N, C-alpha and C. Protein backbone atom coordinates (compact mmCIF):
# COMPACT_ATOMS: atom_id res chain seq x y z
N UNK A 1 0.85 -1.18 0.00
CA UNK A 1 0.00 0.00 0.00
C UNK A 1 0.89 1.25 0.00
N UNK A 2 0.45 2.23 -0.73
CA UNK A 2 1.16 3.49 -0.81
C UNK A 2 0.34 4.62 -0.24
N UNK A 3 0.90 5.82 -0.33
CA UNK A 3 0.24 7.03 0.15
C UNK A 3 0.33 8.13 -0.89
N UNK A 4 -0.69 8.95 -0.93
CA UNK A 4 -0.69 10.14 -1.79
C UNK A 4 0.11 11.22 -1.08
N UNK A 5 1.28 11.55 -1.62
CA UNK A 5 2.13 12.60 -1.04
C UNK A 5 1.68 13.98 -1.49
N UNK A 6 1.18 14.07 -2.73
CA UNK A 6 0.73 15.37 -3.25
C UNK A 6 -0.27 15.15 -4.37
N UNK A 7 -1.19 16.08 -4.49
CA UNK A 7 -2.16 16.13 -5.58
C UNK A 7 -1.88 17.46 -6.29
N UNK A 8 -1.67 17.40 -7.59
CA UNK A 8 -1.25 18.61 -8.32
C UNK A 8 -2.13 18.85 -9.54
N UNK A 9 -2.47 20.11 -9.75
CA UNK A 9 -3.27 20.51 -10.91
C UNK A 9 -2.69 21.78 -11.51
N UNK A 10 -3.05 22.02 -12.75
CA UNK A 10 -2.68 23.29 -13.40
C UNK A 10 -3.85 23.69 -14.28
N UNK A 11 -4.13 24.99 -14.35
CA UNK A 11 -5.24 25.46 -15.17
C UNK A 11 -4.91 25.50 -16.66
N UNK A 12 -3.60 25.45 -16.99
CA UNK A 12 -3.17 25.57 -18.37
C UNK A 12 -2.12 24.52 -18.68
N UNK A 13 -2.16 23.94 -19.88
CA UNK A 13 -1.14 22.99 -20.32
C UNK A 13 0.19 23.70 -20.50
N UNK A 14 1.28 22.95 -20.28
CA UNK A 14 2.60 23.50 -20.47
C UNK A 14 3.11 24.30 -19.28
N UNK A 15 2.38 24.27 -18.16
CA UNK A 15 2.82 24.97 -16.96
C UNK A 15 3.04 23.95 -15.84
N UNK A 16 3.82 24.34 -14.85
CA UNK A 16 4.06 23.49 -13.69
C UNK A 16 2.76 23.35 -12.92
N UNK A 17 2.51 22.15 -12.42
CA UNK A 17 1.30 21.92 -11.63
C UNK A 17 1.54 22.37 -10.19
N UNK A 18 0.49 22.81 -9.53
CA UNK A 18 0.56 23.26 -8.15
C UNK A 18 -0.17 22.29 -7.24
N UNK A 19 0.39 22.08 -6.06
CA UNK A 19 -0.19 21.14 -5.10
C UNK A 19 -1.43 21.73 -4.44
N UNK A 20 -2.44 20.86 -4.29
CA UNK A 20 -3.66 21.20 -3.56
C UNK A 20 -3.87 20.09 -2.53
N UNK A 21 -4.54 20.38 -1.44
CA UNK A 21 -4.76 19.37 -0.41
C UNK A 21 -5.90 18.42 -0.72
N UNK A 22 -6.86 18.90 -1.50
CA UNK A 22 -8.08 18.15 -1.76
C UNK A 22 -8.51 18.39 -3.20
N UNK A 23 -9.00 17.35 -3.87
CA UNK A 23 -9.47 17.52 -5.25
C UNK A 23 -10.56 16.51 -5.54
N UNK A 24 -11.33 16.82 -6.55
CA UNK A 24 -12.39 15.91 -6.99
C UNK A 24 -11.92 15.20 -8.25
N UNK A 25 -11.99 13.87 -8.22
CA UNK A 25 -11.62 13.06 -9.37
C UNK A 25 -12.91 12.63 -10.07
N UNK A 26 -13.03 13.02 -11.33
CA UNK A 26 -14.27 12.78 -12.08
C UNK A 26 -14.14 11.53 -12.95
N UNK A 27 -15.16 10.66 -12.94
CA UNK A 27 -15.11 9.44 -13.75
C UNK A 27 -14.90 9.74 -15.22
N UNK A 28 -14.04 8.96 -15.86
CA UNK A 28 -13.71 9.08 -17.28
C UNK A 28 -13.37 10.52 -17.68
N UNK A 29 -12.69 11.24 -16.77
CA UNK A 29 -12.29 12.60 -17.08
C UNK A 29 -10.95 12.97 -16.43
N UNK A 30 -10.82 12.82 -15.12
CA UNK A 30 -9.58 13.19 -14.43
C UNK A 30 -9.86 14.12 -13.27
N UNK A 31 -8.86 14.92 -12.91
CA UNK A 31 -9.02 15.85 -11.79
C UNK A 31 -9.74 17.11 -12.24
N UNK A 32 -10.74 17.48 -11.49
CA UNK A 32 -11.49 18.70 -11.77
C UNK A 32 -10.53 19.88 -11.76
N UNK A 33 -10.67 20.77 -12.72
CA UNK A 33 -9.87 21.99 -12.86
C UNK A 33 -8.43 21.75 -13.33
N UNK A 34 -8.10 20.53 -13.79
CA UNK A 34 -6.77 20.28 -14.32
C UNK A 34 -6.81 20.34 -15.84
N UNK A 35 -5.84 21.03 -16.42
CA UNK A 35 -5.81 21.23 -17.88
C UNK A 35 -5.64 19.92 -18.66
N UNK A 36 -5.07 18.88 -18.05
CA UNK A 36 -4.84 17.63 -18.76
C UNK A 36 -5.99 16.63 -18.64
N UNK A 37 -7.00 16.97 -17.87
CA UNK A 37 -8.17 16.10 -17.75
C UNK A 37 -8.93 16.08 -19.08
N UNK A 38 -9.65 15.01 -19.31
CA UNK A 38 -10.44 14.91 -20.53
C UNK A 38 -10.77 13.46 -20.83
N UNK A 39 -11.52 13.26 -21.88
CA UNK A 39 -11.95 11.90 -22.23
C UNK A 39 -10.91 11.24 -23.13
N UNK A 40 -9.76 10.92 -22.53
CA UNK A 40 -8.68 10.25 -23.25
C UNK A 40 -8.00 9.28 -22.29
N UNK A 41 -6.93 8.63 -22.72
CA UNK A 41 -6.33 7.58 -21.91
C UNK A 41 -5.33 8.10 -20.86
N UNK A 42 -4.99 9.38 -20.90
CA UNK A 42 -4.03 9.93 -19.93
C UNK A 42 -4.72 10.97 -19.04
N UNK A 43 -5.75 10.52 -18.33
CA UNK A 43 -6.52 11.43 -17.50
C UNK A 43 -5.78 11.82 -16.23
N UNK A 44 -4.97 10.92 -15.70
CA UNK A 44 -4.22 11.15 -14.46
C UNK A 44 -2.77 10.71 -14.70
N UNK A 45 -1.82 11.53 -14.27
CA UNK A 45 -0.41 11.13 -14.32
C UNK A 45 0.07 10.88 -12.89
N UNK A 46 0.86 9.82 -12.74
CA UNK A 46 1.37 9.43 -11.42
C UNK A 46 2.88 9.29 -11.49
N UNK A 47 3.54 9.68 -10.41
CA UNK A 47 4.98 9.61 -10.33
C UNK A 47 5.35 9.21 -8.90
N UNK A 48 6.34 8.34 -8.76
CA UNK A 48 6.78 7.90 -7.43
C UNK A 48 7.64 8.97 -6.77
N UNK A 49 7.32 9.30 -5.54
CA UNK A 49 8.09 10.29 -4.78
C UNK A 49 9.55 9.85 -4.63
N UNK A 50 9.78 8.55 -4.50
CA UNK A 50 11.13 8.03 -4.37
C UNK A 50 11.97 8.36 -5.61
N UNK A 51 11.37 8.28 -6.80
CA UNK A 51 12.07 8.60 -8.04
C UNK A 51 12.39 10.09 -8.11
N UNK A 52 11.47 10.93 -7.66
CA UNK A 52 11.69 12.38 -7.66
C UNK A 52 12.83 12.73 -6.71
N UNK A 53 12.83 12.13 -5.51
CA UNK A 53 13.90 12.40 -4.54
C UNK A 53 15.26 11.98 -5.08
N UNK A 54 15.32 10.80 -5.69
CA UNK A 54 16.58 10.29 -6.24
C UNK A 54 17.11 11.24 -7.33
N UNK A 55 16.21 11.68 -8.22
CA UNK A 55 16.58 12.62 -9.29
C UNK A 55 17.04 13.95 -8.68
N UNK A 56 16.27 14.45 -7.73
CA UNK A 56 16.60 15.72 -7.08
C UNK A 56 17.98 15.67 -6.43
N UNK A 57 18.26 14.56 -5.75
CA UNK A 57 19.56 14.40 -5.08
C UNK A 57 20.70 14.33 -6.11
N UNK A 58 20.47 13.59 -7.18
CA UNK A 58 21.51 13.40 -8.21
C UNK A 58 21.90 14.73 -8.87
N UNK A 59 20.94 15.64 -9.01
CA UNK A 59 21.20 16.91 -9.70
C UNK A 59 21.19 18.11 -8.75
N UNK A 60 21.15 17.85 -7.46
CA UNK A 60 21.14 18.91 -6.44
C UNK A 60 20.05 19.95 -6.73
N UNK A 61 18.85 19.45 -7.00
CA UNK A 61 17.70 20.32 -7.29
C UNK A 61 16.72 20.29 -6.12
N UNK A 62 16.05 21.38 -5.90
CA UNK A 62 14.98 21.44 -4.90
C UNK A 62 13.67 21.52 -5.69
N UNK A 63 13.07 20.35 -5.95
CA UNK A 63 11.88 20.28 -6.79
C UNK A 63 10.62 20.18 -5.93
N UNK A 64 9.64 20.99 -6.26
CA UNK A 64 8.37 20.92 -5.55
C UNK A 64 7.46 19.91 -6.23
N UNK A 65 6.43 19.48 -5.52
CA UNK A 65 5.43 18.58 -6.10
C UNK A 65 4.84 19.24 -7.34
N UNK A 66 4.68 18.47 -8.41
CA UNK A 66 4.13 18.99 -9.66
C UNK A 66 5.18 19.46 -10.64
N UNK A 67 6.45 19.45 -10.25
CA UNK A 67 7.53 19.94 -11.12
C UNK A 67 7.64 19.16 -12.42
N UNK A 68 7.29 17.87 -12.39
CA UNK A 68 7.36 17.04 -13.60
C UNK A 68 5.99 16.97 -14.30
N UNK A 69 5.03 17.73 -13.82
CA UNK A 69 3.70 17.74 -14.41
C UNK A 69 2.81 16.61 -13.93
N UNK A 70 3.21 15.95 -12.84
CA UNK A 70 2.42 14.83 -12.32
C UNK A 70 1.19 15.33 -11.56
N UNK A 71 0.11 14.57 -11.68
CA UNK A 71 -1.09 14.86 -10.89
C UNK A 71 -0.98 14.27 -9.48
N UNK A 72 -0.48 13.04 -9.41
CA UNK A 72 -0.36 12.38 -8.11
C UNK A 72 1.08 11.99 -7.86
N UNK A 73 1.62 12.42 -6.74
CA UNK A 73 2.94 12.03 -6.29
C UNK A 73 2.71 10.95 -5.23
N UNK A 74 3.22 9.75 -5.49
CA UNK A 74 2.91 8.57 -4.69
C UNK A 74 4.15 8.10 -3.94
N UNK A 75 3.96 7.70 -2.70
CA UNK A 75 5.05 7.13 -1.90
C UNK A 75 4.71 5.67 -1.62
N UNK A 76 5.68 4.77 -1.82
CA UNK A 76 5.53 3.39 -1.40
C UNK A 76 5.12 2.38 -2.46
N UNK A 77 4.98 2.79 -3.71
CA UNK A 77 4.65 1.86 -4.81
C UNK A 77 5.62 2.12 -5.95
N UNK A 78 6.22 1.05 -6.47
CA UNK A 78 7.12 1.17 -7.62
C UNK A 78 6.24 1.22 -8.88
N UNK A 79 5.78 2.40 -9.20
CA UNK A 79 4.80 2.59 -10.27
C UNK A 79 5.26 2.08 -11.62
N UNK A 80 6.52 2.30 -11.95
CA UNK A 80 7.02 1.95 -13.30
C UNK A 80 6.95 0.45 -13.57
N UNK A 81 6.80 -0.36 -12.52
CA UNK A 81 6.74 -1.81 -12.69
C UNK A 81 5.31 -2.32 -12.86
N UNK A 82 4.33 -1.44 -12.78
CA UNK A 82 2.94 -1.86 -12.92
C UNK A 82 2.58 -1.99 -14.40
N UNK A 83 2.08 -3.14 -14.82
CA UNK A 83 1.71 -3.27 -16.23
C UNK A 83 0.42 -2.52 -16.57
N UNK A 84 0.27 -2.22 -17.84
CA UNK A 84 -0.97 -1.61 -18.34
C UNK A 84 -2.13 -2.53 -17.96
N UNK A 85 -3.21 -1.92 -17.51
CA UNK A 85 -4.39 -2.68 -17.07
C UNK A 85 -4.48 -2.84 -15.56
N UNK A 86 -3.39 -2.52 -14.85
CA UNK A 86 -3.39 -2.61 -13.39
C UNK A 86 -4.44 -1.65 -12.82
N UNK A 87 -5.16 -2.11 -11.82
CA UNK A 87 -6.16 -1.28 -11.14
C UNK A 87 -5.57 -0.77 -9.83
N UNK A 88 -5.82 0.49 -9.55
CA UNK A 88 -5.36 1.14 -8.31
C UNK A 88 -6.57 1.74 -7.60
N UNK A 89 -6.65 1.49 -6.31
CA UNK A 89 -7.75 2.07 -5.51
C UNK A 89 -7.18 3.19 -4.65
N UNK A 90 -7.80 4.37 -4.75
CA UNK A 90 -7.40 5.53 -3.96
C UNK A 90 -8.53 5.89 -3.00
N UNK A 91 -8.16 6.32 -1.81
CA UNK A 91 -9.15 6.71 -0.80
C UNK A 91 -10.12 5.55 -0.60
N UNK A 92 -11.40 5.82 -0.55
CA UNK A 92 -12.37 4.73 -0.33
C UNK A 92 -13.08 4.29 -1.59
N UNK A 93 -13.26 5.21 -2.55
CA UNK A 93 -14.08 4.85 -3.70
C UNK A 93 -13.43 5.04 -5.07
N UNK A 94 -12.31 5.70 -5.15
CA UNK A 94 -11.70 6.02 -6.44
C UNK A 94 -11.00 4.79 -7.01
N UNK A 95 -11.25 4.52 -8.29
CA UNK A 95 -10.62 3.40 -8.96
C UNK A 95 -9.98 3.90 -10.25
N UNK A 96 -8.67 3.62 -10.40
CA UNK A 96 -7.91 4.00 -11.59
C UNK A 96 -7.45 2.76 -12.32
N UNK A 97 -7.24 2.89 -13.63
CA UNK A 97 -6.68 1.81 -14.44
C UNK A 97 -5.47 2.36 -15.20
N UNK A 98 -4.32 1.72 -15.03
CA UNK A 98 -3.10 2.14 -15.70
C UNK A 98 -3.27 1.94 -17.21
N UNK A 99 -2.98 3.01 -17.98
CA UNK A 99 -3.17 2.97 -19.43
C UNK A 99 -1.89 3.18 -20.23
N UNK A 100 -0.85 3.73 -19.59
CA UNK A 100 0.39 4.02 -20.30
C UNK A 100 1.54 4.10 -19.30
N UNK A 101 2.69 3.58 -19.71
CA UNK A 101 3.90 3.67 -18.90
C UNK A 101 4.85 4.64 -19.61
N UNK A 102 5.22 5.70 -18.97
CA UNK A 102 6.16 6.67 -19.53
C UNK A 102 5.57 7.51 -20.65
N UNK A 103 6.26 8.60 -20.94
CA UNK A 103 5.91 9.44 -22.10
C UNK A 103 7.12 10.30 -22.43
N UNK A 104 7.21 10.70 -23.66
CA UNK A 104 8.29 11.57 -24.09
C UNK A 104 8.14 12.91 -23.38
N UNK A 105 9.23 13.42 -22.89
CA UNK A 105 9.23 14.72 -22.23
C UNK A 105 8.88 15.78 -23.28
N UNK A 106 7.99 16.71 -22.92
CA UNK A 106 7.58 17.74 -23.89
C UNK A 106 8.72 18.72 -24.14
N UNK A 107 8.75 19.26 -25.32
CA UNK A 107 9.76 20.26 -25.67
C UNK A 107 9.60 21.47 -24.77
N UNK A 108 10.69 21.98 -24.32
CA UNK A 108 10.63 23.14 -23.46
C UNK A 108 10.55 22.83 -21.98
N UNK A 109 10.65 21.56 -21.61
CA UNK A 109 10.61 21.16 -20.20
C UNK A 109 11.78 21.82 -19.46
N UNK A 110 11.48 22.58 -18.43
CA UNK A 110 12.51 23.30 -17.69
C UNK A 110 13.53 22.36 -17.06
N UNK A 111 13.07 21.25 -16.51
CA UNK A 111 13.99 20.31 -15.87
C UNK A 111 14.94 19.70 -16.88
N UNK A 112 14.42 19.32 -18.04
CA UNK A 112 15.28 18.74 -19.07
C UNK A 112 16.29 19.78 -19.59
N UNK A 113 15.88 21.02 -19.68
CA UNK A 113 16.79 22.09 -20.11
C UNK A 113 17.95 22.23 -19.13
N UNK A 114 17.66 22.11 -17.82
CA UNK A 114 18.69 22.31 -16.80
C UNK A 114 19.59 21.10 -16.62
N UNK A 115 19.05 19.89 -16.80
CA UNK A 115 19.82 18.68 -16.48
C UNK A 115 20.14 17.80 -17.69
N UNK A 116 19.38 17.99 -18.77
CA UNK A 116 19.54 17.11 -19.93
C UNK A 116 18.75 15.81 -19.79
N UNK A 117 18.04 15.66 -18.69
CA UNK A 117 17.26 14.44 -18.43
C UNK A 117 15.89 14.78 -17.85
N UNK A 118 14.99 13.79 -17.94
CA UNK A 118 13.67 13.89 -17.33
C UNK A 118 13.28 12.48 -16.92
N UNK A 119 12.54 12.34 -15.82
CA UNK A 119 12.16 11.00 -15.37
C UNK A 119 10.80 10.54 -15.88
N UNK A 120 10.04 11.42 -16.48
CA UNK A 120 8.71 11.01 -16.96
C UNK A 120 8.77 9.88 -18.01
N UNK A 121 9.74 9.87 -18.92
CA UNK A 121 9.77 8.77 -19.89
C UNK A 121 9.98 7.39 -19.27
N UNK A 122 10.66 7.32 -18.14
CA UNK A 122 10.94 6.01 -17.54
C UNK A 122 10.18 5.76 -16.25
N UNK A 123 9.75 6.79 -15.55
CA UNK A 123 9.15 6.62 -14.22
C UNK A 123 7.66 6.99 -14.15
N UNK A 124 7.21 7.84 -15.05
CA UNK A 124 5.82 8.29 -14.99
C UNK A 124 4.86 7.27 -15.56
N UNK A 125 3.67 7.20 -14.98
CA UNK A 125 2.62 6.35 -15.53
C UNK A 125 1.34 7.17 -15.66
N UNK A 126 0.42 6.65 -16.45
CA UNK A 126 -0.84 7.34 -16.69
C UNK A 126 -2.00 6.39 -16.47
N UNK A 127 -3.13 6.97 -16.09
CA UNK A 127 -4.31 6.15 -15.80
C UNK A 127 -5.57 6.89 -16.21
N UNK A 128 -6.62 6.10 -16.35
CA UNK A 128 -7.94 6.69 -16.55
C UNK A 128 -8.75 6.44 -15.28
N UNK A 129 -9.74 7.27 -15.05
CA UNK A 129 -10.55 7.19 -13.84
C UNK A 129 -11.79 6.33 -14.13
N UNK A 130 -11.85 5.18 -13.47
CA UNK A 130 -13.00 4.30 -13.63
C UNK A 130 -14.14 4.70 -12.68
N UNK A 131 -13.79 5.02 -11.44
CA UNK A 131 -14.75 5.49 -10.44
C UNK A 131 -14.17 6.72 -9.77
N UNK A 132 -14.94 7.77 -9.69
CA UNK A 132 -14.45 9.02 -9.15
C UNK A 132 -14.73 9.18 -7.67
N UNK A 133 -14.39 10.35 -7.16
CA UNK A 133 -14.61 10.68 -5.77
C UNK A 133 -13.67 11.78 -5.34
N UNK A 134 -13.63 12.04 -4.06
CA UNK A 134 -12.76 13.07 -3.51
C UNK A 134 -11.47 12.43 -3.01
N UNK A 135 -10.35 13.07 -3.33
CA UNK A 135 -9.04 12.57 -2.94
C UNK A 135 -8.33 13.67 -2.16
N UNK A 136 -7.55 13.28 -1.16
CA UNK A 136 -6.79 14.27 -0.41
C UNK A 136 -5.41 13.75 -0.08
N UNK A 137 -4.51 14.69 0.16
CA UNK A 137 -3.14 14.35 0.53
C UNK A 137 -3.18 13.44 1.76
N UNK A 138 -2.37 12.38 1.70
CA UNK A 138 -2.31 11.42 2.81
C UNK A 138 -3.18 10.21 2.62
N UNK A 139 -4.10 10.24 1.65
CA UNK A 139 -4.95 9.07 1.38
C UNK A 139 -4.09 7.89 0.96
N UNK A 140 -4.61 6.70 1.20
CA UNK A 140 -3.92 5.49 0.77
C UNK A 140 -4.19 5.22 -0.70
N UNK A 141 -3.28 4.50 -1.32
CA UNK A 141 -3.44 4.02 -2.70
C UNK A 141 -2.94 2.57 -2.71
N UNK A 142 -3.77 1.69 -3.26
CA UNK A 142 -3.49 0.26 -3.21
C UNK A 142 -3.54 -0.34 -4.60
N UNK A 143 -2.60 -1.24 -4.88
CA UNK A 143 -2.61 -2.00 -6.14
C UNK A 143 -3.60 -3.14 -5.95
N UNK A 144 -4.68 -3.16 -6.76
CA UNK A 144 -5.70 -4.21 -6.65
C UNK A 144 -5.38 -5.42 -7.50
N UNK A 145 -4.94 -5.18 -8.72
CA UNK A 145 -4.64 -6.31 -9.62
C UNK A 145 -3.58 -5.87 -10.60
N UNK A 146 -2.83 -6.85 -11.08
CA UNK A 146 -1.78 -6.56 -12.05
C UNK A 146 -2.08 -7.28 -13.34
């Protein structure tokens, strides 16, 4: 079982996401008020906090939650090892399904400009929202099936 370390949204694409304590996750859409939400396969992006810390330490960066454009920063689950189709349960009622592992870093990524690297291609995962609900920082997240 893991924990939600941060929930991040942005009103506009191409900008750093900002952490919020509480958010509404909408079925087959994503996080309310997030620019990347929509009826597609990458409704939610997830990144392991452990991967962010390792990257931050390696490059002596002080990165805030949302710096890589992730919606959910997760502690305690090796996300990159979850196969497509894996179901994740968040809080009491939210159900996610992993739809994609990694993605090409977008052009103009500030972190890639500074370091020459980005962890989203190897560490980030994406999911669609099967069942929605309210999510808050500190909620549990559990791998239901692989």
